[in-house]
Each structure stands twice: as C-alpha cells, then as structure tokens.
Protein backbone atom coordinates (compact mmCIF):
# COMPACT_ATOMS: atom_id res chain seq x y z
CA UNK A 1 -44.25 -27.47 200.83
CA UNK A 2 -41.11 -29.40 198.86
CA UNK A 3 -39.22 -25.73 197.92
CA UNK A 4 -39.35 -25.44 202.11
CA UNK A 5 -38.11 -28.51 203.08
CA UNK A 6 -35.35 -28.14 200.71
CA UNK A 7 -34.49 -24.61 202.22
CA UNK A 8 -34.75 -26.00 205.41
CA UNK A 9 -32.43 -28.36 204.48
CA UNK A 10 -29.90 -26.36 202.67
CA UNK A 11 -29.57 -23.57 205.99
CA UNK A 12 -29.60 -26.98 208.24
CA UNK A 13 -26.07 -28.14 206.21
CA UNK A 14 -24.70 -24.45 205.86
CA UNK A 15 -25.61 -23.84 210.04
CA UNK A 16 -23.43 -27.67 210.29
CA UNK A 17 -20.76 -26.77 207.86
CA UNK A 18 -19.89 -23.36 208.99
CA UNK A 19 -19.71 -25.05 212.38
CA UNK A 20 -17.66 -27.60 211.47
CA UNK A 21 -15.26 -24.85 209.53
CA UNK A 22 -15.95 -22.47 213.18
CA UNK A 23 -14.88 -25.07 216.02
CA UNK A 24 -11.04 -26.18 215.34
CA UNK A 25 -10.86 -21.83 215.18
CA UNK A 26 -12.58 -21.50 218.57
CA UNK A 27 -10.87 -24.22 220.42
CA UNK A 28 -7.35 -22.79 218.92
CA UNK A 29 -8.73 -19.06 220.14
CA UNK A 30 -9.31 -20.72 223.52
CA UNK A 31 -6.03 -22.35 224.10
CA UNK A 32 -5.42 -25.44 222.15
CA UNK A 33 -2.09 -26.34 220.14
CA UNK A 34 -0.87 -22.88 220.28
CA UNK A 35 1.51 -21.52 217.31
CA UNK A 36 5.10 -21.11 218.42
CA UNK A 37 6.23 -17.37 217.34
CA UNK A 38 9.66 -17.66 219.45
CA UNK A 39 13.05 -17.54 217.69
CA UNK A 40 13.89 -20.70 215.78
CA UNK A 41 17.10 -22.33 215.20
CA UNK A 42 19.07 -24.37 212.61
CA UNK A 43 21.20 -27.27 213.84
CA UNK A 44 24.53 -28.52 212.66
CA UNK A 45 24.02 -31.31 210.49
CA UNK A 46 25.45 -34.56 212.28
CA UNK A 47 22.97 -34.06 214.97
CA UNK A 48 20.26 -36.53 216.04
CA UNK A 49 16.88 -36.39 217.61
CA UNK A 50 15.38 -39.35 219.43
CA UNK A 51 11.08 -39.23 220.12
CA UNK A 52 9.75 -42.20 222.13
CA UNK A 53 6.09 -43.12 222.17
CA UNK A 54 4.33 -45.61 224.22
CA UNK A 55 3.20 -49.64 222.48
CA UNK A 56 -0.50 -49.35 224.58
CA UNK A 57 -3.49 -49.10 222.30
CA UNK A 58 -6.34 -49.27 224.93
CA UNK A 59 -7.56 -47.28 227.41
CA UNK A 60 -8.39 -49.89 229.88
CA UNK A 61 -9.21 -49.77 233.89
CA UNK A 62 -7.12 -51.95 235.97
CA UNK A 63 -7.95 -55.68 235.37
CA UNK A 64 -9.72 -55.44 232.23
CA UNK A 65 -8.72 -55.59 228.97
CA UNK A 66 -11.26 -53.79 226.59
CA UNK A 67 -11.61 -50.31 226.30
CA UNK A 68 -11.35 -47.48 223.74
CA UNK A 69 -8.86 -47.43 221.79
CA UNK A 70 -5.95 -45.03 222.69
CA UNK A 71 -2.20 -44.38 222.11
CA UNK A 72 0.23 -41.50 221.55
CA UNK A 73 -1.67 -37.56 221.24
CA UNK A 74 -0.04 -37.52 217.45
CA UNK A 75 0.89 -33.33 218.04
CA UNK A 76 3.12 -34.70 221.06
CA UNK A 77 4.88 -37.27 218.31
CA UNK A 78 4.64 -34.70 215.43
CA UNK A 79 5.51 -31.25 216.78
CA UNK A 80 8.85 -32.53 218.21
CA UNK A 81 9.68 -34.68 215.01
CA UNK A 82 8.75 -32.01 212.76
CA UNK A 83 10.76 -29.15 214.92
CA UNK A 84 13.36 -30.67 214.93
CA UNK A 85 13.64 -32.17 211.17
CA UNK A 86 13.04 -28.98 209.71
CA UNK A 87 16.22 -27.77 211.94
CA UNK A 88 18.25 -30.18 209.87
CA UNK A 89 18.19 -33.16 212.77
CA UNK A 90 17.77 -36.49 211.71
CA UNK A 91 15.45 -38.00 213.92
CA UNK A 92 14.50 -41.43 214.95
CA UNK A 93 11.05 -43.05 216.86
CA UNK A 94 11.56 -45.67 219.36
CA UNK A 95 9.03 -47.36 221.90
CA UNK A 96 9.16 -49.77 224.79
CA UNK A 97 9.24 -52.89 222.82
CA UNK A 98 9.31 -51.29 219.45
CA UNK A 99 7.21 -52.38 216.50
CA UNK A 100 3.90 -50.45 216.12
CA UNK A 101 3.53 -46.60 218.16
CA UNK A 102 -0.43 -46.64 218.53
CA UNK A 103 -2.07 -43.36 217.80
CA UNK A 104 -5.23 -42.12 220.01
CA UNK A 105 -8.05 -41.69 216.99
CA UNK A 106 -9.09 -38.80 219.13
CA UNK A 107 -5.92 -36.90 218.93
CA UNK A 108 -6.95 -36.65 214.86
CA UNK A 109 -10.20 -35.76 214.98
CA UNK A 110 -11.09 -32.63 212.57
CA UNK A 111 -11.87 -30.25 215.53
CA UNK A 112 -8.34 -31.48 217.23
CA UNK A 113 -6.10 -31.50 214.50
CA UNK A 114 -3.12 -29.56 214.04
CA UNK A 115 -1.27 -28.35 210.67
CA UNK A 116 1.94 -31.18 212.13
CA UNK A 117 -0.78 -33.55 212.09
CA UNK A 118 -1.90 -33.40 208.79
CA UNK A 119 1.29 -33.52 207.69
CA UNK A 120 1.69 -36.84 209.10
CA UNK A 121 -0.87 -37.79 207.84
CA UNK A 122 0.16 -37.00 204.10
CA UNK A 123 4.15 -38.54 205.42
CA UNK A 124 4.91 -42.24 204.50
CA UNK A 125 8.37 -41.55 206.11
CA UNK A 126 7.10 -40.72 209.54
CA UNK A 127 3.97 -43.25 209.65
CA UNK A 128 6.46 -46.17 208.94
CA UNK A 129 8.82 -45.13 211.63
CA UNK A 130 5.99 -45.02 214.01
CA UNK A 131 4.62 -48.53 212.24
CA UNK A 132 8.47 -49.78 212.81
CA UNK A 133 9.49 -48.16 215.92
CA UNK A 134 13.07 -48.97 217.97
CA UNK A 135 12.97 -50.94 220.99
CA UNK A 136 14.49 -48.57 223.15
CA UNK A 137 16.26 -51.65 224.81
CA UNK A 138 18.34 -51.63 221.48
CA UNK A 139 19.14 -48.05 220.29
CA UNK A 140 22.63 -47.02 221.52
CA UNK A 141 21.31 -43.80 223.33
CA UNK A 142 24.67 -41.87 223.46
CA UNK A 143 24.13 -41.42 219.73
CA UNK A 144 21.62 -38.38 220.28
CA UNK A 145 21.81 -35.10 221.20
CA UNK A 146 18.09 -34.76 222.25
CA UNK A 147 16.24 -37.36 223.96
CA UNK A 148 12.25 -36.48 223.45
CA UNK A 149 9.67 -38.60 225.29
CA UNK A 150 5.94 -38.29 224.06
CA UNK A 151 2.58 -38.36 226.21
CA UNK A 152 -0.96 -39.23 225.20
CA UNK A 153 -2.86 -41.79 226.86
CA UNK A 154 -1.37 -44.79 226.41
CA UNK A 155 2.09 -43.82 228.00
CA UNK A 156 0.32 -43.62 231.38
CA UNK A 157 0.52 -47.96 231.09
CA UNK A 158 4.00 -48.46 229.81
CA UNK A 159 6.42 -45.66 229.91
CA UNK A 160 7.04 -44.93 234.06
CA UNK A 161 6.78 -49.19 234.26
CA UNK A 162 9.97 -49.62 232.44
CA UNK A 163 13.33 -50.38 233.87
CA UNK A 164 15.03 -50.31 230.41
CA UNK A 165 13.68 -46.77 229.75
CA UNK A 166 14.63 -45.28 233.05
CA UNK A 167 17.88 -46.62 232.43
CA UNK A 168 18.66 -45.09 229.19
CA UNK A 169 17.57 -41.74 230.53
CA UNK A 170 20.19 -42.09 233.49
CA UNK A 171 22.62 -43.41 230.32
CA UNK A 172 21.59 -39.96 228.44
CA UNK A 173 21.84 -38.01 231.84
CA UNK A 174 25.55 -38.85 232.21
CA UNK A 175 26.19 -38.88 228.49
CA UNK A 176 29.88 -37.20 227.57
CA UNK A 177 28.11 -34.63 225.26
CA UNK A 178 25.01 -33.97 227.40
CA UNK A 179 21.62 -34.31 225.07
CA UNK A 180 18.79 -32.68 226.51
CA UNK A 181 15.99 -34.70 227.58
CA UNK A 182 12.44 -33.81 227.50
CA UNK A 183 8.71 -35.11 227.96
CA UNK A 184 5.86 -33.47 227.25
CA UNK A 185 2.44 -34.45 228.76
CA UNK A 186 2.35 -37.86 229.80
CA UNK A 187 5.59 -38.74 228.61
CA UNK A 188 7.22 -37.31 231.72
CA UNK A 189 6.11 -40.89 232.96
CA UNK A 190 9.39 -42.05 231.59
CA UNK A 191 11.83 -39.90 233.55
CA UNK A 192 10.33 -40.73 236.95
CA UNK A 193 12.49 -43.97 237.71
CA UNK A 194 15.43 -42.79 236.13
CA UNK A 195 18.52 -42.71 238.95
CA UNK A 196 21.50 -40.80 239.46
CA UNK A 197 25.00 -42.39 240.40
CA UNK A 198 24.22 -42.35 244.11
CA UNK A 199 20.96 -44.37 243.44
CA UNK A 200 18.99 -41.63 244.24
CA UNK A 201 15.94 -40.47 241.65
CA UNK A 202 17.34 -38.38 238.92
CA UNK A 203 14.52 -35.61 238.64
CA UNK A 204 14.04 -35.36 242.38
CA UNK A 205 14.30 -31.53 243.28
CA UNK A 206 14.05 -30.69 239.83
CA UNK A 207 11.34 -28.11 238.74
CA UNK A 208 9.13 -30.02 236.17
CA UNK A 209 5.61 -29.94 234.77
CA UNK A 210 3.34 -32.54 233.17
CA UNK A 211 -0.20 -33.35 232.95
CA UNK A 212 -2.28 -32.04 236.08
CA UNK A 213 -4.84 -33.94 237.99
CA UNK A 214 -6.97 -31.67 237.49
CA UNK A 215 -7.09 -32.00 233.64
CA UNK A 216 -7.54 -35.87 234.05
CA UNK A 217 -10.64 -35.35 236.63
CA UNK A 218 -11.95 -32.87 234.15
CA UNK A 219 -11.51 -35.13 230.96
CA UNK A 220 -13.17 -37.93 233.25
CA UNK A 221 -9.41 -39.87 232.15
CA UNK A 222 -9.05 -41.52 235.99
CA UNK A 223 -8.46 -45.05 235.25
CA UNK A 224 -5.09 -45.09 233.75
CA UNK A 225 -2.30 -46.49 236.42
CA UNK A 226 -0.11 -43.42 236.71
CA UNK A 227 -0.99 -39.73 237.03
CA UNK A 228 1.98 -37.21 235.88
CA UNK A 229 1.39 -34.28 238.80
CA UNK A 230 0.91 -37.32 241.41
CA UNK A 231 3.75 -39.47 239.94
CA UNK A 232 6.36 -36.11 239.80
CA UNK A 233 5.93 -35.34 242.93
CA UNK A 234 6.14 -38.53 244.23
CA UNK A 235 9.63 -38.54 242.64
CA UNK A 236 10.51 -35.32 244.25
CA UNK A 237 10.28 -33.23 241.38
CA UNK A 238 9.43 -29.25 242.16
CA UNK A 239 5.67 -29.50 239.91
CA UNK A 240 4.62 -26.52 238.09
CA UNK A 241 2.00 -25.83 236.24
CA UNK A 242 -0.28 -23.10 234.64
CA UNK A 243 -4.33 -23.86 235.01
CA UNK A 244 -7.48 -22.17 232.75
CA UNK A 245 -11.40 -22.69 233.19
CA UNK A 246 -10.47 -26.26 231.91
CA UNK A 247 -6.90 -27.15 232.13
CA UNK A 248 -7.08 -28.92 228.34
CA UNK A 249 -6.70 -25.24 227.22
CA UNK A 250 -3.50 -24.50 229.25
CA UNK A 251 0.00 -24.70 228.52
CA UNK A 252 3.07 -24.36 229.96
CA UNK A 253 7.06 -25.32 229.71
CA UNK A 254 9.77 -25.89 232.53
CA UNK A 255 13.53 -25.70 232.02
CA UNK A 256 15.36 -27.23 234.63
CA UNK A 257 17.50 -24.69 236.20
CA UNK A 258 20.48 -27.13 235.05
CA UNK A 259 19.33 -26.95 231.52
CA UNK A 260 18.89 -30.12 231.25
CA UNK A 261 15.47 -30.89 231.16
CA UNK A 262 12.49 -29.74 229.19
CA UNK A 263 8.92 -30.66 230.08
CA UNK A 264 5.97 -29.30 228.82
CA UNK A 265 2.45 -29.58 230.37
CA UNK A 266 0.00 -31.38 228.09
CA UNK A 267 -0.72 -31.54 224.42
CA UNK A 268 -0.54 -27.95 223.89
CA UNK A 269 2.67 -27.56 225.08
CA UNK A 270 4.63 -30.02 222.59
CA UNK A 271 5.49 -27.17 220.17
CA UNK A 272 7.26 -24.46 222.41
CA UNK A 273 9.08 -27.76 224.22
CA UNK A 274 10.62 -28.72 221.12
CA UNK A 275 11.44 -25.07 220.41
CA UNK A 276 13.34 -25.04 223.63
CA UNK A 277 15.07 -28.15 223.16
CA UNK A 278 16.04 -26.58 220.17
CA UNK A 279 17.50 -23.47 221.45
CA UNK A 280 18.90 -25.11 224.57
CA UNK A 281 20.94 -27.12 221.64
CA UNK A 282 21.94 -24.25 220.38
CA UNK A 283 23.20 -22.30 223.20
CA UNK A 284 25.73 -25.53 223.96
CA UNK A 285 27.26 -25.87 220.32
CA UNK A 286 27.63 -22.04 220.66
CA UNK A 287 29.39 -22.51 224.13
CA UNK A 288 31.40 -25.51 222.68
CA UNK A 289 32.61 -23.00 219.99
CA UNK A 290 33.74 -20.40 223.01
C-alpha cells in the first residue's frame, strides 16, 4: 500500500510538472507574446526613447478604493524597453505622477511571462527606473525621438485623464524632429485628448488600434473607467483590430498613414510595435541623409 501511494504521488507530481512546462508553450502557440522575426535596426548613438506607464495599482470599480492589484502589464514595458535599448538608444521611463510604476502581478505568472520579462527580473537598472520614474510634467519631451506609452489595466485609470500627458503628446507631435509616438493596449488612452493647433483632437481620422471591447468582455474586466476601442472611436480614430477565438490571443499593429503614430492592439503587440517604431526612425534617419 505504501509503495502504491508513493507511486501515485510521483505520477501526480510528474503530471503537474509536465503541465507547468507545457502550458506556457501551448499559450505561446495560441498567440500569446508572438516572436518577432522581422528586420532589426541599429539606431545612431544619441537617440533617445521615453516609455510612459501608469501609477495606478488597484483594479477598483468606480467609487471603490479596494480591489485586486494591477498596474502595467510588464511585457508592455519590457518589450519596447529592451528593443530600444538593444538598438543602441538611451531609454528613460516616466509616469503621470512620477515615482513607482506598479506591475500587474498576473503578468508575471509563469504561464504568461516572456523572456523580456525574465530579463527585467534580473535587471536592477530597469527596476530602479520603474520605481523612480520621471513625472511626465517635468519631462522635456523635445529631447526624445520615440515616445511609447505602455498599457495594462492600471492605464485605464490615469493616462486618459491627464491633461499634462495630452499636452506633452501634442508638443511631441509638433516638434521639429518629428518623433514617433506609439502606444500599446490601454496605453493608447494617453493619446485620446491630445489636440492639434486648431484645437481639434489630434488622432481624429487616423488609423489606430488598442484593446478591443470584445477582449475586455471576455476577460471580465469591464469595471475600468476607460476602454480603448470605445475611447479611440469617440476621439474619431479609425479603429481596426484582429480577432481570435479569444481576443487575448489576437495581435495587430497599425502605422497611421502619416507614419507618426504606431499602435498595438494588446499585450501580444508590444514587441512588433516597438520594432515598427524603430523601422520608422531608421527610415527617417535615412531620409535626413538624402
């Protein structure tokens, strides 16, 4: 009897171990965090990127102060950060208020975490930048060639409500060196209130993407105060997206016709979006040399 128990436990432990190894692979094959196999670009030294995240840490319903921990979906920070860093750029990190950018703990679960996220866990430099992020109001936005806004559920609570961020996006758009402006997932909410010189919404009429209402419904997180698909459409953007049996496994990246904005649909789109930004920056550099 004792031996049978030992054998049974051993079998169960083995099944659990195999499941733990198999689940991340299965999710990856289903569409989670797809690999990027396109061209890569080395950027001239001296170019700078700014990644902006949320300070909001609680997934709370309107009028409530308690809820599950949330924040930035870590891959939406790490995928652009390491893509830009490895391309030779200086990368700074900012947030609405400055200080800590919380990480959604769910995005670090073993079945979701990406290799870029694992790099972050061993990188005290990026960890320090996220604990001590720059306040966006104190940032000289004209110093950056890329402005990339990360998402996650926390972004639904502060990015779209910040007039300071909206003004910084407008300022970046009209800068002489024409930086590339990007956002992924809920990060695109940071674009919805930016205005042009005539006082009209800057993204009106532009092709863009962000988290779909379908994905939000499927994940059961409709309590957040802003939903990207809804808000982009309200701002006049031409919304487009891909779908899947669950939109959590879909991915899509859009470059607007002017080639000034790059937007990614969700947590799967940050890596490709970052490389598309680098592509545009490299093309701009090439055109400047002509």
